[in-house]
Amino acid sequence: KIHLDVLTTVKDSQSQYGLRGDDYTRYRQYCAKRLKRVRKSVKFQHGKGHFKKKKLEVKHVKNNRFLSIPLLNAERAWSYAMELKQALTKDDDSRKQHHLLKKLKKAVAWSK
């Protein structure tokens, strides 16, 4: 049985890597780098020359590091949405708002 303590993992990384000072950019960059390291350590990369999408399935999961892949993807998308929200002002165009909503939808999709 594989176990991942999601709440403590998320809260620890958020407080350590940027969210204490509302620095969503730093946290997003941390999530991207961490995701790359985790993918490499479990040998679940997308290929070298050409991108070949790999879907994470139950048969691939061998340890709890595999479970951190969708968690880090969701955190990265959420952090980017919060970064866009900070940059958004009242007179900005609706494209930034649209991009923000798309990132939040991606975060929700990754969390499922």
C-alpha atoms as a PDB file:
ATOM      1  CA  LYS A   1       0.000   0.000   0.000  1.00  0.00           C
ATOM      2  CA  ILE A   2       1.334   3.389  -1.017  1.00  0.00           C
ATOM      3  CA  HIS A   3       0.750   6.436   1.158  1.00  0.00           C
ATOM      4  CA  LEU A   4       1.375  10.158   0.616  1.00  0.00           C
ATOM      5  CA  ASP A   5       0.535  12.717   3.271  1.00  0.00           C
ATOM      6  CA  VAL A   6      -0.753  15.452   0.963  1.00  0.00           C
ATOM      7  CA  LEU A   7      -1.615  18.222   3.408  1.00  0.00           C
ATOM      8  CA  THR A   8       1.688  18.242   5.271  1.00  0.00           C
ATOM      9  CA  THR A   9       3.656  17.919   2.031  1.00  0.00           C
ATOM     10  CA  VAL A  10       1.862  20.872   0.459  1.00  0.00           C
ATOM     11  CA  LYS A  11       1.927  23.110   3.532  1.00  0.00           C
ATOM     12  CA  ASP A  12       5.614  22.449   4.215  1.00  0.00           C
ATOM     13  CA  SER A  13       6.677  23.182   0.665  1.00  0.00           C
ATOM     14  CA  GLN A  14       4.430  26.250   0.425  1.00  0.00           C
ATOM     15  CA  SER A  15       5.827  27.775   3.604  1.00  0.00           C
ATOM     16  CA  GLN A  16       9.429  26.965   2.721  1.00  0.00           C
ATOM     17  CA  TYR A  17       9.491  27.971  -0.936  1.00  0.00           C
ATOM     18  CA  GLY A  18       7.834  31.333  -1.346  1.00  0.00           C
ATOM     19  CA  LEU A  19       4.276  31.490  -0.053  1.00  0.00           C
ATOM     20  CA  ARG A  20       5.258  32.921   3.300  1.00  0.00           C
ATOM     21  CA  GLY A  21       5.887  36.194   1.446  1.00  0.00           C
ATOM     22  CA  ASP A  22       3.206  35.663  -1.238  1.00  0.00           C
ATOM     23  CA  ASP A  23       5.864  34.934  -3.851  1.00  0.00           C
ATOM     24  CA  TYR A  24       3.889  32.686  -6.194  1.00  0.00           C
ATOM     25  CA  THR A  25       6.527  32.901  -8.935  1.00  0.00           C
ATOM     26  CA  ARG A  26       9.170  31.381  -6.684  1.00  0.00           C
ATOM     27  CA  TYR A  27       6.806  28.617  -5.588  1.00  0.00           C
ATOM     28  CA  ARG A  28       5.799  27.835  -9.190  1.00  0.00           C
ATOM     29  CA  GLN A  29       9.452  27.591 -10.210  1.00  0.00           C
ATOM     30  CA  TYR A  30      10.124  25.329  -7.236  1.00  0.00           C
ATOM     31  CA  CYS A  31       7.225  23.051  -8.257  1.00  0.00           C
ATOM     32  CA  ALA A  32       8.488  22.866 -11.857  1.00  0.00           C
ATOM     33  CA  LYS A  33      12.033  21.983 -10.774  1.00  0.00           C
ATOM     34  CA  ARG A  34      10.809  19.475  -8.207  1.00  0.00           C
ATOM     35  CA  LEU A  35       8.514  17.881 -10.790  1.00  0.00           C
ATOM     36  CA  LYS A  36      11.444  17.472 -13.174  1.00  0.00           C
ATOM     37  CA  ARG A  37      13.556  15.867 -10.429  1.00  0.00           C
ATOM     38  CA  VAL A  38      10.763  13.482  -9.410  1.00  0.00           C
ATOM     39  CA  ARG A  39      10.051  12.459 -13.010  1.00  0.00           C
ATOM     40  CA  LYS A  40      13.726  11.754 -13.570  1.00  0.00           C
ATOM     41  CA  SER A  41      14.148   9.788 -10.345  1.00  0.00           C
ATOM     42  CA  VAL A  42      11.230   7.457 -11.114  1.00  0.00           C
ATOM     43  CA  LYS A  43      12.155   7.239 -14.820  1.00  0.00           C
ATOM     44  CA  PHE A  44       8.818   8.658 -15.965  1.00  0.00           C
ATOM     45  CA  GLN A  45       9.992  11.269 -18.457  1.00  0.00           C
ATOM     46  CA  HIS A  46       8.325  12.278 -21.707  1.00  0.00           C
ATOM     47  CA  GLY A  47      11.171  11.513 -24.094  1.00  0.00           C
ATOM     48  CA  LYS A  48      14.215  13.430 -25.211  1.00  0.00           C
ATOM     49  CA  GLY A  49      13.851  14.776 -28.745  1.00  0.00           C
ATOM     50  CA  HIS A  50      10.118  14.706 -29.277  1.00  0.00           C
ATOM     51  CA  PHE A  51       7.445  15.070 -26.631  1.00  0.00           C
ATOM     52  CA  LYS A  52       5.483  11.858 -26.116  1.00  0.00           C
ATOM     53  CA  LYS A  53       2.750  12.294 -23.563  1.00  0.00           C
ATOM     54  CA  LYS A  54       2.730   9.662 -20.843  1.00  0.00           C
ATOM     55  CA  LYS A  55      -0.400   9.233 -18.814  1.00  0.00           C
ATOM     56  CA  LEU A  56       0.140   8.207 -15.219  1.00  0.00           C
ATOM     57  CA  GLU A  57      -1.832   5.035 -14.573  1.00  0.00           C
ATOM     58  CA  VAL A  58      -2.179   2.692 -11.619  1.00  0.00           C
ATOM     59  CA  LYS A  59       0.141   0.121 -13.196  1.00  0.00           C
ATOM     60  CA  HIS A  60       2.971   2.697 -13.253  1.00  0.00           C
ATOM     61  CA  VAL A  61       2.752   3.558  -9.557  1.00  0.00           C
ATOM     62  CA  LYS A  62       5.446   1.706  -7.633  1.00  0.00           C
ATOM     63  CA  ASN A  63       6.165   4.109  -4.759  1.00  0.00           C
ATOM     64  CA  ASN A  64       4.898   7.357  -3.270  1.00  0.00           C
ATOM     65  CA  ARG A  65       7.059   9.487  -5.565  1.00  0.00           C
ATOM     66  CA  PHE A  66       4.709   8.625  -8.426  1.00  0.00           C
ATOM     67  CA  LEU A  67       1.845  10.096  -6.407  1.00  0.00           C
ATOM     68  CA  SER A  68       3.683  13.383  -6.076  1.00  0.00           C
ATOM     69  CA  ILE A  69       3.640  13.938  -9.865  1.00  0.00           C
ATOM     70  CA  PRO A  70      -0.043  14.973 -10.120  1.00  0.00           C
ATOM     71  CA  LEU A  71       0.263  16.807  -6.797  1.00  0.00           C
ATOM     72  CA  LEU A  72       3.157  18.921  -8.071  1.00  0.00           C
ATOM     73  CA  ASN A  73       1.364  19.555 -11.363  1.00  0.00           C
ATOM     74  CA  ALA A  74      -1.718  20.790  -9.523  1.00  0.00           C
ATOM     75  CA  GLU A  75       0.352  22.988  -7.215  1.00  0.00           C
ATOM     76  CA  ARG A  76       2.272  24.437 -10.157  1.00  0.00           C
ATOM     77  CA  ALA A  77      -0.926  25.311 -12.053  1.00  0.00           C
ATOM     78  CA  TRP A  78      -2.529  26.789  -8.909  1.00  0.00           C
ATOM     79  CA  SER A  79       0.547  28.853  -8.167  1.00  0.00           C
ATOM     80  CA  TYR A  80       0.612  30.221 -11.707  1.00  0.00           C
ATOM     81  CA  ALA A  81      -3.065  31.166 -11.428  1.00  0.00           C
ATOM     82  CA  MET A  82      -2.418  33.000  -8.165  1.00  0.00           C
ATOM     83  CA  GLU A  83       0.550  34.754  -9.771  1.00  0.00           C
ATOM     84  CA  LEU A  84      -1.728  35.928 -12.604  1.00  0.00           C
ATOM     85  CA  LYS A  85      -4.330  37.031 -10.088  1.00  0.00           C
ATOM     86  CA  GLN A  86      -1.767  39.232  -8.325  1.00  0.00           C
ATOM     87  CA  ALA A  87      -0.748  40.815 -11.628  1.00  0.00           C
ATOM     88  CA  LEU A  88      -4.345  41.410 -12.685  1.00  0.00           C
ATOM     89  CA  THR A  89      -5.703  44.916 -12.259  1.00  0.00           C
ATOM     90  CA  LYS A  90      -9.217  46.210 -12.746  1.00  0.00           C
ATOM     91  CA  ASP A  91      -8.557  47.758 -16.161  1.00  0.00           C
ATOM     92  CA  ASP A  92      -6.725  44.737 -17.627  1.00  0.00           C
ATOM     93  CA  ASP A  93      -8.131  42.882 -20.569  1.00  0.00           C
ATOM     94  CA  SER A  94     -10.196  39.755 -20.265  1.00  0.00           C
ATOM     95  CA  ARG A  95      -7.454  37.556 -21.778  1.00  0.00           C
ATOM     96  CA  LYS A  96      -5.515  37.576 -18.522  1.00  0.00           C
ATOM     97  CA  GLN A  97      -8.682  36.645 -16.657  1.00  0.00           C
ATOM     98  CA  HIS A  98      -9.318  33.857 -19.175  1.00  0.00           C
ATOM     99  CA  HIS A  99      -5.755  32.562 -18.747  1.00  0.00           C
ATOM    100  CA  LEU A 100      -6.188  32.637 -14.968  1.00  0.00           C
ATOM    101  CA  LEU A 101      -9.375  30.573 -15.176  1.00  0.00           C
ATOM    102  CA  LYS A 102      -7.757  28.043 -17.518  1.00  0.00           C
ATOM    103  CA  LYS A 103      -4.888  27.544 -15.071  1.00  0.00           C
ATOM    104  CA  LEU A 104      -7.329  26.996 -12.207  1.00  0.00           C
ATOM    105  CA  LYS A 105      -9.228  24.440 -14.287  1.00  0.00           C
ATOM    106  CA  LYS A 106      -5.957  22.639 -14.970  1.00  0.00           C
ATOM    107  CA  ALA A 107      -5.177  22.603 -11.263  1.00  0.00           C
ATOM    108  CA  VAL A 108      -8.563  21.046 -10.572  1.00  0.00           C
ATOM    109  CA  ALA A 109      -8.056  18.480 -13.328  1.00  0.00           C
ATOM    110  CA  TRP A 110      -4.668  17.481 -11.937  1.00  0.00           C
ATOM    111  CA  SER A 111      -6.052  17.141  -8.448  1.00  0.00           C
ATOM    112  CA  LYS A 112      -8.591  14.512  -9.507  1.00  0.00           C
END
